[in-house]
């Protein structure tokens, strides 16, 4: 399963959409505070494409997030309004998954909120720390790690993974 930021060109989370605002400033939205970001991952542009080294034919599901023009989406499970689900929990439950591993960008936003929501929806959540990169906006990485500790999200290195089964 993969997630893909898929923003419309004038997404409300882009600083460029708000005259006089700069990236990383915060505004208030109907769903609460929203960090403003540089324009990124715009639908149909090279910046929204997956890295060419990923083996996409092996992915069973791609969850596109951030496509609602007025709601940002950090988590793979819920939009930032915290009421609009993406359908990922249902997909994982239907296939009887109990655990989810997380890697990618950004450790302290999309990866982190996805892992927290995995725990909230009943899954074991494990982050591969060396396969992530944080933004660390005003201490956001440390705050996220505190939330991980409080909710039982595990953070490990990729070398800590143990391969078992026929292909081991």
Protein backbone atom coordinates (compact mmCIF):
# COMPACT_ATOMS: atom_id res chain seq x y z
CA UNK A 1 0.00 0.00 0.00
CA UNK A 2 1.30 3.44 -0.91
CA UNK A 3 0.12 6.96 -0.20
CA UNK A 4 0.41 9.79 -2.66
CA UNK A 5 -0.03 13.48 -1.95
CA UNK A 6 -2.29 14.65 -4.77
CA UNK A 7 -2.99 18.34 -4.31
CA UNK A 8 -4.93 20.58 -6.67
CA UNK A 9 -2.81 23.50 -7.94
CA UNK A 10 -4.31 26.05 -5.53
CA UNK A 11 -4.68 23.87 -2.45
CA UNK A 12 -5.61 25.75 0.72
CA UNK A 13 -2.51 24.41 2.51
CA UNK A 14 -0.15 26.13 0.07
CA UNK A 15 1.28 29.43 1.29
CA UNK A 16 1.09 30.69 -2.30
CA UNK A 17 -2.71 30.43 -2.11
CA UNK A 18 -2.76 33.03 0.70
CA UNK A 19 -1.41 36.46 -0.36
CA UNK A 20 1.16 37.75 2.11
CA UNK A 21 1.70 34.37 3.77
CA UNK A 22 4.96 32.42 3.77
CA UNK A 23 5.62 28.68 3.96
CA UNK A 24 5.57 27.29 7.51
CA UNK A 25 3.32 30.04 8.87
CA UNK A 26 0.11 28.82 10.46
CA UNK A 27 -3.46 29.79 9.65
CA UNK A 28 -6.78 28.81 11.18
CA UNK A 29 -9.05 26.61 9.06
CA UNK A 30 -12.55 25.30 9.76
CA UNK A 31 -10.93 22.13 11.16
CA UNK A 32 -8.26 23.89 13.25
CA UNK A 33 -4.70 25.13 12.79
CA UNK A 34 -3.06 24.51 9.44
CA UNK A 35 0.63 24.86 8.61
CA UNK A 36 1.15 26.50 5.23
CA UNK A 37 3.48 24.56 2.94
CA UNK A 38 5.44 25.35 -0.20
CA UNK A 39 3.62 24.20 -3.34
CA UNK A 40 4.26 20.45 -3.62
CA UNK A 41 2.84 17.25 -5.12
CA UNK A 42 0.45 18.99 -7.51
CA UNK A 43 -1.83 16.59 -9.37
CA UNK A 44 -0.43 15.45 -12.69
CA UNK A 45 3.00 17.05 -12.26
CA UNK A 46 6.38 15.31 -11.91
CA UNK A 47 6.48 16.45 -8.27
CA UNK A 48 3.52 14.23 -7.48
CA UNK A 49 4.93 11.11 -9.14
CA UNK A 50 6.32 8.15 -7.25
CA UNK A 51 10.06 7.60 -7.28
CA UNK A 52 10.92 5.48 -10.33
CA UNK A 53 12.73 2.87 -8.18
CA UNK A 54 9.50 1.88 -6.41
CA UNK A 55 8.03 -1.39 -7.60
CA UNK A 56 4.51 -0.09 -8.25
CA UNK A 57 3.10 -3.29 -9.78
CA UNK A 58 3.45 -4.87 -6.32
CA UNK A 59 1.28 -2.20 -4.68
CA UNK A 60 -2.29 -3.37 -4.14
CA UNK A 61 -3.61 0.05 -3.14
CA UNK A 62 -2.63 3.68 -3.60
CA UNK A 63 -4.32 6.11 -1.21
CA UNK A 64 -4.31 9.62 -2.63
CA UNK A 65 -4.50 12.31 -0.02
CA UNK A 66 -4.76 16.08 0.05
CA UNK A 67 -6.98 16.22 -3.02
CA UNK A 68 -9.82 18.09 -1.29
CA UNK A 69 -9.05 21.74 -2.09
CA UNK A 70 -10.04 23.02 1.37
CA UNK A 71 -8.78 20.18 3.63
CA UNK A 72 -5.19 19.09 4.01
CA UNK A 73 -4.38 15.47 4.70
CA UNK A 74 -1.38 14.27 6.67
CA UNK A 75 -2.66 10.86 7.70
CA UNK A 76 -3.26 7.91 5.40
CA UNK A 77 -6.34 7.15 7.54
CA UNK A 78 -8.13 10.52 7.95
CA UNK A 79 -8.20 13.96 6.38
CA UNK A 80 -7.06 16.77 8.71
CA UNK A 81 -10.68 17.51 9.62
CA UNK A 82 -10.36 14.23 11.60
CA UNK A 83 -13.83 13.10 10.45
CA UNK A 84 -13.29 12.19 6.78
CA UNK A 85 -11.80 8.69 6.50
CA UNK A 86 -9.69 7.64 3.52
CA UNK A 87 -10.94 4.04 3.62
CA UNK A 88 -7.55 2.62 4.57
CA UNK A 89 -8.68 1.18 7.92
CA UNK A 90 -11.50 -0.70 6.20
CA UNK A 91 -9.15 -2.01 3.55
CA UNK A 92 -6.66 -3.27 6.16
CA UNK A 93 -9.39 -4.76 8.35
CA UNK A 94 -11.00 -6.55 5.42
CA UNK A 95 -7.68 -8.23 4.67
CA UNK A 96 -7.19 -9.05 8.38
CA UNK A 97 -3.98 -7.07 8.73
CA UNK A 98 -3.01 -6.39 12.31
CA UNK A 99 0.20 -4.40 11.83
CA UNK A 100 1.33 -1.56 9.60
CA UNK A 101 4.87 -0.38 8.82
CA UNK A 102 5.52 3.23 7.88
CA UNK A 103 8.32 4.97 5.97
CA UNK A 104 8.64 8.13 3.91
CA UNK A 105 8.13 11.86 4.17
CA UNK A 106 7.67 13.47 6.51
CA UNK A 107 8.42 11.59 9.72
CA UNK A 108 6.88 14.28 11.92
CA UNK A 109 3.80 14.94 9.79
CA UNK A 110 2.42 12.44 7.26
CA UNK A 111 4.29 9.38 8.53
CA UNK A 112 3.70 10.29 12.16
CA UNK A 113 0.00 11.09 11.89
CA UNK A 114 -0.54 7.93 9.83
CA UNK A 115 1.11 5.82 12.53
CA UNK A 116 -0.89 7.50 15.30
CA UNK A 117 -4.11 6.92 13.38
CA UNK A 118 -3.14 3.30 12.77
CA UNK A 119 -2.97 2.86 16.56
CA UNK A 120 -6.24 4.73 17.01
CA UNK A 121 -7.97 2.42 14.53
CA UNK A 122 -6.63 -0.72 16.20
CA UNK A 123 -3.44 -1.61 14.33
CA UNK A 124 0.07 -2.12 15.60
CA UNK A 125 2.16 0.71 14.12
CA UNK A 126 5.88 0.47 13.41
CA UNK A 127 7.93 3.26 11.86
CA UNK A 128 11.19 2.51 10.06
CA UNK A 129 13.06 5.59 11.25
CA UNK A 130 16.01 5.30 8.86
CA UNK A 131 13.56 5.20 5.95
CA UNK A 132 12.04 8.57 6.91
CA UNK A 133 13.02 12.20 6.94
CA UNK A 134 11.60 14.79 9.30
CA UNK A 135 10.83 18.44 8.63
CA UNK A 136 11.31 19.26 12.33
CA UNK A 137 9.30 22.46 12.28
CA UNK A 138 9.68 24.14 15.68
CA UNK A 139 10.36 20.85 17.45
CA UNK A 140 7.69 18.84 15.61
CA UNK A 141 9.85 15.68 15.53
CA UNK A 142 10.26 15.62 19.31
CA UNK A 143 6.55 16.31 19.85
CA UNK A 144 5.67 13.49 17.47
CA UNK A 145 8.02 11.11 19.28
CA UNK A 146 6.30 11.99 22.57
CA UNK A 147 2.98 11.09 20.96
CA UNK A 148 4.48 7.81 19.72
CA UNK A 149 5.61 6.94 23.26
CA UNK A 150 2.15 7.74 24.68
CA UNK A 151 0.26 5.69 22.10
CA UNK A 152 2.52 2.69 21.59
CA UNK A 153 3.85 3.48 18.11
CA UNK A 154 7.16 1.63 17.77
CA UNK A 155 10.13 3.27 16.05
CA UNK A 156 12.82 0.91 14.77
CA UNK A 157 15.58 0.82 12.18
CA UNK A 158 15.15 -1.15 8.98
CA UNK A 159 18.00 -3.45 10.07
CA UNK A 160 15.81 -4.47 13.04
CA UNK A 161 13.32 -6.16 10.70
CA UNK A 162 13.33 -9.92 10.75
CA UNK A 163 12.36 -11.76 7.59
CA UNK A 164 10.54 -15.03 8.23
CA UNK A 165 8.73 -17.52 6.06
CA UNK A 166 9.50 -19.28 2.78
CA UNK A 167 11.51 -16.41 1.27
CA UNK A 168 13.76 -15.99 4.32
